[in-house]
Amino acid sequence: MTTRRILGTFASGDLQGLRAATRRPTLSKAIGASDTASRARQVIVAVLAAAILAWSSIPVANGAEPGPQAVVQSFYDWYIAEAEAGRPLTLRGRPDLTPAFVDWAEHYNDGQMFGADPVLCAQAIPDSVTAGTATISGSKATVPVTEAFGAPYTITVGLTLGSAGWQISTGGCAQASPAVARKPDGRIRLGTHGYPGKTTSFDATFVGNNIYNTTGAHQKAVVESFNELEGSFFTFDISIQNDRTRADRFKVKATGAATRGGWKVAYFHGTTNITAAIVAGTFRTASLAPGASYLIVAKLTQGSETTTRLVTIRSVADPTKVDAVKFGYKRGACGC
């Protein structure tokens, strides 16, 4: 569910790459005042050849001009591929973009300390981008574009039909709208088992990934044994992931008292004991970026009776969005 890497910051007029935010020299500076006319002609020919090559990469069915959906899909496929490869993202001169769109994109982050990619409307590279069915009205069209991060996110791209065919004229952050509301994703696993002087780590696989409910069904970790040594304990790792495309914090509340059935239950974030806040339901995670996670460790110590805890995770920004995980100990039958 995590995005793959963070984009570089975009400066005014600079779409040279997702890994750097420095402006490339202009064509005149790159060529130099002392360059000959022959070299200038060579550069012009090279630019034209690159433009023709870019246009030829757009799929054309039966010799017809590509439709709006094909134009958008081809452009985003190129954009993601160039971003993944770390190559310059040069928009100016592409025949599938209007000059006005290029101007808007190049100046989108003017005056911003930390900018976003204006084409993706994000600061990370999505796992995939899919152009939906176009809505066409005369010489205008719109195409929904779904970007897959941990959860899908939809933007609307506008196109205009001219002598050069369909060209992208609006889109990106200008018309962004989330496809999925705020959503926490709780996952859980058995972490360790031990007693004074000995600890065994399990590093089990998290369960509950992409499962959302308020009961802990299919996202629980329960251990079973008949008898435990004095001072024995179990720990459970509770991972809280932000499954949406906006930053959010999450409230965490556990059922049951800190001591019950002979077991003492404590909760930690790192080395900080957060038990009182977790039991009271007042604990909040730090702000989590899309796809980021937050780890809480639950520790069961010294008990013999069956006990379980339900841990509820709730979005602070949208309290209707909830997930839950369950952990506990089950006293088994004697094998003697």
C-alpha atoms as a PDB file:
ATOM      1  CA  MET A   1       0.000   0.000   0.000  1.00  0.00           C
ATOM      2  CA  THR A   2       2.903   2.326   0.166  1.00  0.00           C
ATOM      3  CA  THR A   3       3.842   4.673  -2.603  1.00  0.00           C
ATOM      4  CA  ARG A   4       7.179   4.052  -4.149  1.00  0.00           C
ATOM      5  CA  ARG A   5       9.096   7.252  -3.790  1.00  0.00           C
ATOM      6  CA  ILE A   6       8.741  10.934  -3.156  1.00  0.00           C
ATOM      7  CA  LEU A   7       8.883  13.360  -6.034  1.00  0.00           C
ATOM      8  CA  GLY A   8      11.246  16.264  -6.133  1.00  0.00           C
ATOM      9  CA  THR A   9       9.943  19.767  -5.510  1.00  0.00           C
ATOM     10  CA  PHE A  10       8.867  21.667  -8.603  1.00  0.00           C
ATOM     11  CA  ALA A  11       9.984  25.241  -8.971  1.00  0.00           C
ATOM     12  CA  SER A  12       8.560  27.940 -11.238  1.00  0.00           C
ATOM     13  CA  GLY A  13       8.805  26.950 -14.896  1.00  0.00           C
ATOM     14  CA  ASP A  14      10.638  23.751 -13.984  1.00  0.00           C
ATOM     15  CA  LEU A  15       9.409  20.291 -14.885  1.00  0.00           C
ATOM     16  CA  GLN A  16      12.823  18.833 -15.542  1.00  0.00           C
ATOM     17  CA  GLY A  17      12.451  15.777 -13.359  1.00  0.00           C
ATOM     18  CA  LEU A  18      10.923  14.139 -10.332  1.00  0.00           C
ATOM     19  CA  ARG A  19      14.261  13.847  -8.567  1.00  0.00           C
ATOM     20  CA  ALA A  20      15.607  17.349  -8.939  1.00  0.00           C
ATOM     21  CA  ALA A  21      14.209  20.849  -8.748  1.00  0.00           C
ATOM     22  CA  THR A  22      16.856  22.790 -10.630  1.00  0.00           C
ATOM     23  CA  ARG A  23      16.056  24.598 -13.853  1.00  0.00           C
ATOM     24  CA  ARG A  24      17.806  23.340 -16.937  1.00  0.00           C
ATOM     25  CA  PRO A  25      19.448  26.004 -19.093  1.00  0.00           C
ATOM     26  CA  THR A  26      17.314  27.399 -21.867  1.00  0.00           C
ATOM     27  CA  LEU A  27      17.928  26.268 -25.415  1.00  0.00           C
ATOM     28  CA  SER A  28      19.724  29.514 -26.250  1.00  0.00           C
ATOM     29  CA  LYS A  29      22.015  29.174 -23.240  1.00  0.00           C
ATOM     30  CA  ALA A  30      22.657  25.526 -23.944  1.00  0.00           C
ATOM     31  CA  ILE A  31      23.628  26.283 -27.503  1.00  0.00           C
ATOM     32  CA  GLY A  32      25.666  29.378 -26.683  1.00  0.00           C
ATOM     33  CA  ALA A  33      25.890  32.681 -28.500  1.00  0.00           C
ATOM     34  CA  SER A  34      28.905  31.539 -30.480  1.00  0.00           C
ATOM     35  CA  ASP A  35      27.280  28.458 -31.969  1.00  0.00           C
ATOM     36  CA  THR A  36      27.102  28.345 -35.708  1.00  0.00           C
ATOM     37  CA  ALA A  37      23.884  28.479 -37.730  1.00  0.00           C
ATOM     38  CA  SER A  38      24.562  24.899 -38.792  1.00  0.00           C
ATOM     39  CA  ARG A  39      24.494  23.686 -35.215  1.00  0.00           C
ATOM     40  CA  ALA A  40      21.298  25.613 -34.569  1.00  0.00           C
ATOM     41  CA  ARG A  41      19.675  23.896 -37.551  1.00  0.00           C
ATOM     42  CA  GLN A  42      20.802  20.533 -36.206  1.00  0.00           C
ATOM     43  CA  VAL A  43      19.172  21.287 -32.870  1.00  0.00           C
ATOM     44  CA  ILE A  44      15.919  22.317 -34.538  1.00  0.00           C
ATOM     45  CA  VAL A  45      15.863  19.111 -36.568  1.00  0.00           C
ATOM     46  CA  ALA A  46      16.505  17.067 -33.415  1.00  0.00           C
ATOM     47  CA  VAL A  47      13.659  18.786 -31.562  1.00  0.00           C
ATOM     48  CA  LEU A  48      11.272  18.176 -34.455  1.00  0.00           C
ATOM     49  CA  ALA A  49      12.325  14.546 -34.637  1.00  0.00           C
ATOM     50  CA  ALA A  50      11.707  14.097 -30.915  1.00  0.00           C
ATOM     51  CA  ALA A  51       8.258  15.667 -31.228  1.00  0.00           C
ATOM     52  CA  ILE A  52       7.369  13.383 -34.137  1.00  0.00           C
ATOM     53  CA  LEU A  53       8.567  10.374 -32.171  1.00  0.00           C
ATOM     54  CA  ALA A  54       6.489  11.372 -29.143  1.00  0.00           C
ATOM     55  CA  TRP A  55       3.382  11.813 -31.293  1.00  0.00           C
ATOM     56  CA  SER A  56       3.953   8.490 -33.018  1.00  0.00           C
ATOM     57  CA  SER A  57       3.885   6.744 -29.620  1.00  0.00           C
ATOM     58  CA  ILE A  58       0.160   7.526 -29.249  1.00  0.00           C
ATOM     59  CA  PRO A  59      -1.896   4.528 -30.429  1.00  0.00           C
ATOM     60  CA  VAL A  60      -4.001   5.136 -33.543  1.00  0.00           C
ATOM     61  CA  ALA A  61      -6.796   2.763 -34.490  1.00  0.00           C
ATOM     62  CA  ASN A  62      -7.404   2.057 -38.166  1.00  0.00           C
ATOM     63  CA  GLY A  63      -5.502   5.165 -39.217  1.00  0.00           C
ATOM     64  CA  ALA A  64      -7.896   7.518 -37.397  1.00  0.00           C
ATOM     65  CA  GLU A  65      -6.831  10.237 -34.993  1.00  0.00           C
ATOM     66  CA  PRO A  66      -6.567   8.880 -31.441  1.00  0.00           C
ATOM     67  CA  GLY A  67      -9.556   9.609 -29.220  1.00  0.00           C
ATOM     68  CA  PRO A  68      -9.406  11.538 -25.933  1.00  0.00           C
ATOM     69  CA  GLN A  69      -9.051   8.415 -23.759  1.00  0.00           C
ATOM     70  CA  ALA A  70      -6.147   7.088 -25.870  1.00  0.00           C
ATOM     71  CA  VAL A  71      -4.397  10.469 -25.844  1.00  0.00           C
ATOM     72  CA  VAL A  72      -4.648  10.753 -22.064  1.00  0.00           C
ATOM     73  CA  GLN A  73      -3.559   7.156 -21.410  1.00  0.00           C
ATOM     74  CA  SER A  74      -0.574   7.508 -23.746  1.00  0.00           C
ATOM     75  CA  PHE A  75       0.513  10.761 -22.117  1.00  0.00           C
ATOM     76  CA  TYR A  76       0.322   9.391 -18.577  1.00  0.00           C
ATOM     77  CA  ASP A  77       2.078   6.159 -19.583  1.00  0.00           C
ATOM     78  CA  TRP A  78       4.933   8.276 -20.951  1.00  0.00           C
ATOM     79  CA  TYR A  79       4.948  10.532 -17.905  1.00  0.00           C
ATOM     80  CA  ILE A  80       5.109   7.683 -15.383  1.00  0.00           C
ATOM     81  CA  ALA A  81       7.786   5.843 -17.381  1.00  0.00           C
ATOM     82  CA  GLU A  82       9.974   8.959 -17.561  1.00  0.00           C
ATOM     83  CA  ALA A  83       9.438   9.654 -13.858  1.00  0.00           C
ATOM     84  CA  GLU A  84      10.343   6.095 -12.903  1.00  0.00           C
ATOM     85  CA  ALA A  85      13.509   6.290 -14.992  1.00  0.00           C
ATOM     86  CA  GLY A  86      14.448   9.674 -13.505  1.00  0.00           C
ATOM     87  CA  ARG A  87      14.569  11.344 -16.911  1.00  0.00           C
ATOM     88  CA  PRO A  88      13.649  15.006 -17.553  1.00  0.00           C
ATOM     89  CA  LEU A  89       9.911  15.608 -17.801  1.00  0.00           C
ATOM     90  CA  THR A  90       9.871  18.048 -20.685  1.00  0.00           C
ATOM     91  CA  LEU A  91       6.292  19.032 -21.485  1.00  0.00           C
ATOM     92  CA  ARG A  92       6.886  21.932 -23.861  1.00  0.00           C
ATOM     93  CA  GLY A  93       6.702  20.859 -27.475  1.00  0.00           C
ATOM     94  CA  ARG A  94       4.552  17.782 -26.938  1.00  0.00           C
ATOM     95  CA  PRO A  95       1.782  17.707 -29.581  1.00  0.00           C
ATOM     96  CA  ASP A  96      -0.740  16.188 -27.143  1.00  0.00           C
ATOM     97  CA  LEU A  97      -0.621  19.226 -24.809  1.00  0.00           C
ATOM     98  CA  THR A  98      -1.902  22.725 -25.424  1.00  0.00           C
ATOM     99  CA  PRO A  99       0.588  25.560 -24.828  1.00  0.00           C
ATOM    100  CA  ALA A 100      -1.748  26.940 -22.165  1.00  0.00           C
ATOM    101  CA  PHE A 101      -1.638  23.652 -20.251  1.00  0.00           C
ATOM    102  CA  VAL A 102       2.168  23.605 -20.409  1.00  0.00           C
ATOM    103  CA  ASP A 103       2.345  27.201 -19.143  1.00  0.00           C
ATOM    104  CA  TRP A 104       0.003  26.339 -16.267  1.00  0.00           C
ATOM    105  CA  ALA A 105       2.017  23.231 -15.327  1.00  0.00           C
ATOM    106  CA  GLU A 106       5.370  25.007 -15.462  1.00  0.00           C
ATOM    107  CA  HIS A 107       4.170  27.777 -13.149  1.00  0.00           C
ATOM    108  CA  TYR A 108       1.912  25.716 -10.894  1.00  0.00           C
ATOM    109  CA  ASN A 109       4.316  25.827  -7.946  1.00  0.00           C
ATOM    110  CA  ASP A 110       5.259  29.504  -8.204  1.00  0.00           C
ATOM    111  CA  GLY A 111       5.724  30.865  -4.697  1.00  0.00           C
ATOM    112  CA  GLN A 112       5.371  27.456  -3.064  1.00  0.00           C
ATOM    113  CA  MET A 113       8.063  26.217  -0.673  1.00  0.00           C
ATOM    114  CA  PHE A 114       7.016  22.581  -1.078  1.00  0.00           C
ATOM    115  CA  GLY A 115       5.266  21.912  -4.348  1.00  0.00           C
ATOM    116  CA  ALA A 116       3.369  18.990  -5.797  1.00  0.00           C
ATOM    117  CA  ASP A 117       3.552  17.453  -9.226  1.00  0.00           C
ATOM    118  CA  PRO A 118       0.900  19.377 -11.222  1.00  0.00           C
ATOM    119  CA  VAL A 119       0.230  16.521 -13.639  1.00  0.00           C
ATOM    120  CA  LEU A 120      -0.244  13.823 -10.993  1.00  0.00           C
ATOM    121  CA  CYS A 121      -1.511  16.180  -8.285  1.00  0.00           C
ATOM    122  CA  ALA A 122       0.670  14.286  -5.810  1.00  0.00           C
ATOM    123  CA  GLN A 123       4.153  14.139  -4.344  1.00  0.00           C
ATOM    124  CA  ALA A 124       4.631  10.454  -5.091  1.00  0.00           C
ATOM    125  CA  ILE A 125       4.593   8.207  -8.132  1.00  0.00           C
ATOM    126  CA  PRO A 126       1.401   6.119  -8.253  1.00  0.00           C
ATOM    127  CA  ASP A 127       1.526   2.373  -8.808  1.00  0.00           C
ATOM    128  CA  SER A 128      -0.575   2.780 -11.941  1.00  0.00           C
ATOM    129  CA  VAL A 129      -2.627   5.333 -13.875  1.00  0.00           C
ATOM    130  CA  THR A 130      -5.771   4.407 -15.816  1.00  0.00           C
ATOM    131  CA  ALA A 131      -7.719   6.681 -18.169  1.00  0.00           C
ATOM    132  CA  GLY A 132     -11.466   6.103 -18.079  1.00  0.00           C
ATOM    133  CA  THR A 133     -14.146   6.550 -20.714  1.00  0.00           C
ATOM    134  CA  ALA A 134     -14.237   9.994 -22.301  1.00  0.00           C
ATOM    135  CA  THR A 135     -17.221  12.311 -22.246  1.00  0.00           C
ATOM    136  CA  ILE A 136     -17.247  14.288 -25.516  1.00  0.00           C
ATOM    137  CA  SER A 137     -19.219  17.436 -26.257  1.00  0.00           C
ATOM    138  CA  GLY A 138     -18.332  18.942 -29.622  1.00  0.00           C
ATOM    139  CA  SER A 139     -14.676  19.985 -29.555  1.00  0.00           C
ATOM    140  CA  LYS A 140     -14.387  19.485 -25.799  1.00  0.00           C
ATOM    141  CA  ALA A 141     -13.893  16.287 -23.798  1.00  0.00           C
ATOM    142  CA  THR A 142     -13.197  15.157 -20.260  1.00  0.00           C
ATOM    143  CA  VAL A 143     -11.503  11.937 -19.169  1.00  0.00           C
ATOM    144  CA  PRO A 144     -11.423  10.607 -15.582  1.00  0.00           C
ATOM    145  CA  VAL A 145      -7.936   9.433 -14.594  1.00  0.00           C
ATOM    146  CA  THR A 146      -7.555   7.049 -11.657  1.00  0.00           C
ATOM    147  CA  GLU A 147      -4.196   6.957  -9.890  1.00  0.00           C
ATOM    148  CA  ALA A 148      -3.514   3.936  -7.671  1.00  0.00           C
ATOM    149  CA  PHE A 149      -1.612   4.665  -4.473  1.00  0.00           C
ATOM    150  CA  GLY A 150      -2.612   2.704  -1.357  1.00  0.00           C
ATOM    151  CA  ALA A 151      -6.129   3.629  -2.439  1.00  0.00           C
ATOM    152  CA  PRO A 152      -7.404   4.982  -5.768  1.00  0.00           C
ATOM    153  CA  TYR A 153      -7.542   8.722  -6.409  1.00  0.00           C
ATOM    154  CA  THR A 154      -9.326  10.301  -9.371  1.00  0.00           C
ATOM    155  CA  ILE A 155      -8.548  13.498 -11.249  1.00  0.00           C
ATOM    156  CA  THR A 156     -10.356  14.882 -14.290  1.00  0.00           C
ATOM    157  CA  VAL A 157      -8.443  15.792 -17.441  1.00  0.00           C
ATOM    158  CA  GLY A 158      -9.944  18.145 -20.050  1.00  0.00           C
ATOM    159  CA  LEU A 159      -9.121  18.050 -23.754  1.00  0.00           C
ATOM    160  CA  THR A 160      -9.703  20.311 -26.740  1.00  0.00           C
ATOM    161  CA  LEU A 161     -10.026  19.173 -30.364  1.00  0.00           C
ATOM    162  CA  GLY A 162      -8.041  21.261 -32.830  1.00  0.00           C
ATOM    163  CA  SER A 163      -6.125  20.923 -36.066  1.00  0.00           C
ATOM    164  CA  ALA A 164      -3.516  18.839 -34.211  1.00  0.00           C
ATOM    165  CA  GLY A 165      -6.159  16.434 -32.881  1.00  0.00           C
ATOM    166  CA  TRP A 166      -7.135  16.019 -29.252  1.00  0.00           C
ATOM    167  CA  GLN A 167      -4.870  17.882 -26.829  1.00  0.00           C
ATOM    168  CA  ILE A 168      -4.873  17.947 -23.029  1.00  0.00           C
ATOM    169  CA  SER A 169      -5.890  21.448 -21.977  1.00  0.00           C
ATOM    170  CA  THR A 170      -6.801  21.175 -18.287  1.00  0.00           C
ATOM    171  CA  GLY A 171      -6.340  18.660 -15.502  1.00  0.00           C
ATOM    172  CA  GLY A 172      -4.083  17.564 -12.710  1.00  0.00           C
ATOM    173  CA  CYS A 173      -4.487  19.508  -9.483  1.00  0.00           C
ATOM    174  CA  ALA A 174      -6.857  21.941 -11.161  1.00  0.00           C
ATOM    175  CA  GLN A 175      -9.718  19.429 -10.939  1.00  0.00           C
ATOM    176  CA  ALA A 176      -8.672  16.891  -8.356  1.00  0.00           C
ATOM    177  CA  SER A 177     -11.209  14.963  -6.313  1.00  0.00           C
ATOM    178  CA  PRO A 178     -10.649  11.982  -4.012  1.00  0.00           C
ATOM    179  CA  ALA A 179     -12.230   8.686  -5.094  1.00  0.00           C
ATOM    180  CA  VAL A 180     -12.054   7.246  -1.576  1.00  0.00           C
ATOM    181  CA  ALA A 181     -12.704   8.966   1.752  1.00  0.00           C
ATOM    182  CA  ARG A 182     -10.332   8.914   4.707  1.00  0.00           C
ATOM    183  CA  LYS A 183      -9.673   5.342   5.775  1.00  0.00           C
ATOM    184  CA  PRO A 184      -7.473   3.755   8.448  1.00  0.00           C
ATOM    185  CA  ASP A 185      -6.162   0.224   7.915  1.00  0.00           C
ATOM    186  CA  GLY A 186      -5.259  -1.759  11.026  1.00  0.00           C
ATOM    187  CA  ARG A 187      -2.979  -4.803  10.752  1.00  0.00           C
ATOM    188  CA  ILE A 188      -1.761  -7.040  13.577  1.00  0.00           C
ATOM    189  CA  ARG A 189       0.708  -9.846  14.239  1.00  0.00           C
ATOM    190  CA  LEU A 190       2.262 -11.800  17.127  1.00  0.00           C
ATOM    191  CA  GLY A 191       5.568 -10.124  17.927  1.00  0.00           C
ATOM    192  CA  THR A 192       7.331 -11.958  20.768  1.00  0.00           C
ATOM    193  CA  HIS A 193       6.858 -14.483  23.565  1.00  0.00           C
ATOM    194  CA  GLY A 194       9.078 -14.658  26.579  1.00  0.00           C
ATOM    195  CA  TYR A 195       9.713 -14.799  30.290  1.00  0.00           C
ATOM    196  CA  PRO A 196      12.480 -13.318  32.466  1.00  0.00           C
ATOM    197  CA  GLY A 197      15.786 -14.131  30.839  1.00  0.00           C
ATOM    198  CA  LYS A 198      14.460 -15.349  27.486  1.00  0.00           C
ATOM    199  CA  THR A 199      12.548 -13.767  24.599  1.00  0.00           C
ATOM    200  CA  THR A 200      11.599 -15.348  21.287  1.00  0.00           C
ATOM    201  CA  SER A 201      10.778 -13.116  18.297  1.00  0.00           C
ATOM    202  CA  PHE A 202       8.298 -14.408  15.743  1.00  0.00           C
ATOM    203  CA  ASP A 203       8.145 -11.593  13.143  1.00  0.00           C
ATOM    204  CA  ALA A 204       4.931 -13.137  11.869  1.00  0.00           C
ATOM    205  CA  THR A 205       3.129 -11.760   8.829  1.00  0.00           C
ATOM    206  CA  PHE A 206       0.679  -8.968   9.511  1.00  0.00           C
ATOM    207  CA  VAL A 207      -2.968  -9.930   9.035  1.00  0.00           C
ATOM    208  CA  GLY A 208      -5.802  -7.547   8.198  1.00  0.00           C
ATOM    209  CA  ASN A 209      -4.184  -5.712   5.307  1.00  0.00           C
ATOM    210  CA  ASN A 210      -6.923  -4.111   3.161  1.00  0.00           C
ATOM    211  CA  ILE A 211      -9.612  -5.543   5.442  1.00  0.00           C
ATOM    212  CA  TYR A 212     -11.882  -2.983   7.074  1.00  0.00           C
ATOM    213  CA  ASN A 213     -14.420  -3.694   9.830  1.00  0.00           C
ATOM    214  CA  THR A 214     -15.235  -2.777  13.420  1.00  0.00           C
ATOM    215  CA  THR A 215     -15.156  -6.298  14.860  1.00  0.00           C
ATOM    216  CA  GLY A 216     -11.595  -7.430  14.181  1.00  0.00           C
ATOM    217  CA  ALA A 217     -12.854 -10.261  11.981  1.00  0.00           C
ATOM    218  CA  HIS A 218     -10.034 -11.684   9.838  1.00  0.00           C
ATOM    219  CA  GLN A 219      -7.607  -9.278  11.470  1.00  0.00           C
ATOM    220  CA  LYS A 220      -6.761 -10.784  14.828  1.00  0.00           C
ATOM    221  CA  ALA A 221      -3.855 -12.521  16.576  1.00  0.00           C
ATOM    222  CA  VAL A 222      -4.663 -14.874  19.451  1.00  0.00           C
ATOM    223  CA  VAL A 223      -2.194 -17.287  21.079  1.00  0.00           C
ATOM    224  CA  GLU A 224      -3.227 -20.485  22.805  1.00  0.00           C
ATOM    225  CA  SER A 225      -1.424 -22.451  25.518  1.00  0.00           C
ATOM    226  CA  PHE A 226      -2.257 -24.382  28.683  1.00  0.00           C
ATOM    227  CA  ASN A 227       0.117 -22.938  31.241  1.00  0.00           C
ATOM    228  CA  GLU A 228       2.627 -20.109  31.334  1.00  0.00           C
ATOM    229  CA  LEU A 229       5.698 -19.633  33.503  1.00  0.00           C
ATOM    230  CA  GLU A 230       5.757 -16.895  36.091  1.00  0.00           C
ATOM    231  CA  GLY A 231       6.555 -13.570  34.445  1.00  0.00           C
ATOM    232  CA  SER A 232       5.739 -14.811  30.944  1.00  0.00           C
ATOM    233  CA  PHE A 233       4.521 -12.329  28.349  1.00  0.00           C
ATOM    234  CA  PHE A 234       3.361 -11.953  24.758  1.00  0.00           C
ATOM    235  CA  THR A 235       3.648  -8.865  22.556  1.00  0.00           C
ATOM    236  CA  PHE A 236       1.498  -7.985  19.567  1.00  0.00           C
ATOM    237  CA  ASP A 237       2.464  -5.470  16.876  1.00  0.00           C
ATOM    238  CA  ILE A 238      -0.416  -3.218  15.788  1.00  0.00           C
ATOM    239  CA  SER A 239       0.310  -1.360  12.558  1.00  0.00           C
ATOM    240  CA  ILE A 240      -1.946   1.573  11.627  1.00  0.00           C
ATOM    241  CA  GLN A 241      -1.710   2.585   7.975  1.00  0.00           C
ATOM    242  CA  ASN A 242      -3.253   5.598   6.262  1.00  0.00           C
ATOM    243  CA  ASP A 243      -5.089   4.128   3.257  1.00  0.00           C
ATOM    244  CA  ARG A 244      -5.993   7.339   1.465  1.00  0.00           C
ATOM    245  CA  THR A 245      -4.432  10.190  -0.420  1.00  0.00           C
ATOM    246  CA  ARG A 246      -4.521  12.877   2.252  1.00  0.00           C
ATOM    247  CA  ALA A 247      -2.632  13.101   5.548  1.00  0.00           C
ATOM    248  CA  ASP A 248      -4.640  12.168   8.620  1.00  0.00           C
ATOM    249  CA  ARG A 249      -4.356  11.325  12.331  1.00  0.00           C
ATOM    250  CA  PHE A 250      -6.084   8.399  13.998  1.00  0.00           C
ATOM    251  CA  LYS A 251      -7.626   7.923  17.443  1.00  0.00           C
ATOM    252  CA  VAL A 252      -6.947   4.568  19.091  1.00  0.00           C
ATOM    253  CA  LYS A 253      -9.037   2.934  21.819  1.00  0.00           C
ATOM    254  CA  ALA A 254      -8.779  -0.538  23.364  1.00  0.00           C
ATOM    255  CA  THR A 255     -11.542  -2.406  25.163  1.00  0.00           C
ATOM    256  CA  GLY A 256     -11.011  -3.802  28.650  1.00  0.00           C
ATOM    257  CA  ALA A 257      -9.105  -2.593  31.670  1.00  0.00           C
ATOM    258  CA  ALA A 258      -5.327  -2.544  31.947  1.00  0.00           C
ATOM    259  CA  THR A 259      -5.543  -5.560  34.303  1.00  0.00           C
ATOM    260  CA  ARG A 260      -8.021  -8.367  33.734  1.00  0.00           C
ATOM    261  CA  GLY A 261      -8.156 -12.143  34.082  1.00  0.00           C
ATOM    262  CA  GLY A 262      -4.744 -12.160  35.709  1.00  0.00           C
ATOM    263  CA  TRP A 263      -3.177 -10.495  32.638  1.00  0.00           C
ATOM    264  CA  LYS A 264      -1.649  -7.039  32.703  1.00  0.00           C
ATOM    265  CA  VAL A 265      -2.077  -5.218  29.407  1.00  0.00           C
ATOM    266  CA  ALA A 266       0.202  -2.339  28.406  1.00  0.00           C
ATOM    267  CA  TYR A 267       0.576  -0.379  25.174  1.00  0.00           C
ATOM    268  CA  PHE A 268       3.737   1.253  23.860  1.00  0.00           C
ATOM    269  CA  HIS A 269       4.848   3.457  20.984  1.00  0.00           C
ATOM    270  CA  GLY A 270       8.585   2.931  20.912  1.00  0.00           C
ATOM    271  CA  THR A 271       9.618   3.098  24.564  1.00  0.00           C
ATOM    272  CA  THR A 272       6.742   5.413  25.567  1.00  0.00           C
ATOM    273  CA  ASN A 273       4.011   3.826  27.667  1.00  0.00           C
ATOM    274  CA  ILE A 274       0.684   5.023  26.221  1.00  0.00           C
ATOM    275  CA  THR A 275      -1.589   2.588  28.114  1.00  0.00           C
ATOM    276  CA  ALA A 276      -3.731   5.166  29.937  1.00  0.00           C
ATOM    277  CA  ALA A 277      -4.546   7.088  26.758  1.00  0.00           C
ATOM    278  CA  ILE A 278      -5.259   3.918  24.746  1.00  0.00           C
ATOM    279  CA  VAL A 279      -7.662   2.567  27.401  1.00  0.00           C
ATOM    280  CA  ALA A 280      -9.370   5.976  27.718  1.00  0.00           C
ATOM    281  CA  GLY A 281      -9.655   6.343  23.953  1.00  0.00           C
ATOM    282  CA  THR A 282      -7.870   9.695  23.908  1.00  0.00           C
ATOM    283  CA  PHE A 283      -4.686   8.586  22.170  1.00  0.00           C
ATOM    284  CA  ARG A 284      -3.974  10.046  18.718  1.00  0.00           C
ATOM    285  CA  THR A 285      -1.249   9.047  16.318  1.00  0.00           C
ATOM    286  CA  ALA A 286       1.009  11.571  14.673  1.00  0.00           C
ATOM    287  CA  SER A 287      -0.133  12.901  11.307  1.00  0.00           C
ATOM    288  CA  LEU A 288       0.411  10.145   8.747  1.00  0.00           C
ATOM    289  CA  ALA A 289       1.068  10.829   5.075  1.00  0.00           C
ATOM    290  CA  PRO A 290      -0.753   8.654   2.512  1.00  0.00           C
ATOM    291  CA  GLY A 291       0.576   5.108   2.799  1.00  0.00           C
ATOM    292  CA  ALA A 292       2.522   5.831   6.004  1.00  0.00           C
ATOM    293  CA  SER A 293       2.104   3.633   9.066  1.00  0.00           C
ATOM    294  CA  TYR A 294       2.343   3.929  12.848  1.00  0.00           C
ATOM    295  CA  LEU A 295       3.336   1.054  15.158  1.00  0.00           C
ATOM    296  CA  ILE A 296       1.846   0.359  18.587  1.00  0.00           C
ATOM    297  CA  VAL A 297       2.997  -2.643  20.638  1.00  0.00           C
ATOM    298  CA  ALA A 298       0.555  -4.335  23.007  1.00  0.00           C
ATOM    299  CA  LYS A 299       2.099  -6.412  25.821  1.00  0.00           C
ATOM    300  CA  LEU A 300       0.255  -9.106  27.790  1.00  0.00           C
ATOM    301  CA  THR A 301       2.032 -10.108  31.009  1.00  0.00           C
ATOM    302  CA  GLN A 302       1.498 -12.810  33.671  1.00  0.00           C
ATOM    303  CA  GLY A 303      -1.913 -14.387  33.332  1.00  0.00           C
ATOM    304  CA  SER A 304      -3.659 -17.701  32.901  1.00  0.00           C
ATOM    305  CA  GLU A 305      -7.271 -17.003  31.926  1.00  0.00           C
ATOM    306  CA  THR A 306      -8.575 -16.378  28.410  1.00  0.00           C
ATOM    307  CA  THR A 307      -8.579 -12.672  27.559  1.00  0.00           C
ATOM    308  CA  THR A 308      -9.004 -10.593  24.395  1.00  0.00           C
ATOM    309  CA  ARG A 309      -8.824  -6.929  23.488  1.00  0.00           C
ATOM    310  CA  LEU A 310     -10.447  -5.095  20.567  1.00  0.00           C
ATOM    311  CA  VAL A 311      -8.445  -2.075  19.376  1.00  0.00           C
ATOM    312  CA  THR A 312     -10.460   0.461  17.384  1.00  0.00           C
ATOM    313  CA  ILE A 313      -8.761   2.889  14.993  1.00  0.00           C
ATOM    314  CA  ARG A 314     -10.751   5.961  13.924  1.00  0.00           C
ATOM    315  CA  SER A 315      -9.965   8.777  11.482  1.00  0.00           C
ATOM    316  CA  VAL A 316      -9.728  12.146  13.232  1.00  0.00           C
ATOM    317  CA  ALA A 317     -10.744  14.045  10.097  1.00  0.00           C
ATOM    318  CA  ASP A 318     -13.700  11.731   9.372  1.00  0.00           C
ATOM    319  CA  PRO A 319     -14.792   9.833  12.525  1.00  0.00           C
ATOM    320  CA  THR A 320     -17.135   7.617  10.473  1.00  0.00           C
ATOM    321  CA  LYS A 321     -14.104   5.827   9.004  1.00  0.00           C
ATOM    322  CA  VAL A 322     -13.101   3.058  11.411  1.00  0.00           C
ATOM    323  CA  ASP A 323     -11.099  -0.151  11.436  1.00  0.00           C
ATOM    324  CA  ALA A 324     -10.334  -2.578  14.259  1.00  0.00           C
ATOM    325  CA  VAL A 325      -7.946  -5.386  15.181  1.00  0.00           C
ATOM    326  CA  LYS A 326      -8.126  -7.968  17.950  1.00  0.00           C
ATOM    327  CA  PHE A 327      -5.502  -9.745  20.040  1.00  0.00           C
ATOM    328  CA  GLY A 328      -5.476 -11.975  23.073  1.00  0.00           C
ATOM    329  CA  TYR A 329      -4.651 -15.209  24.908  1.00  0.00           C
ATOM    330  CA  LYS A 330      -6.709 -18.392  24.948  1.00  0.00           C
ATOM    331  CA  ARG A 331      -6.195 -20.962  27.671  1.00  0.00           C
ATOM    332  CA  GLY A 332      -5.925 -24.327  25.981  1.00  0.00           C
ATOM    333  CA  ALA A 333      -6.672 -27.827  27.206  1.00  0.00           C
ATOM    334  CA  CYS A 334      -4.063 -29.741  29.151  1.00  0.00           C
ATOM    335  CA  GLY A 335      -2.160 -32.156  26.942  1.00  0.00           C
ATOM    336  CA  CYS A 336      -1.164 -34.343  29.886  1.00  0.00           C
END
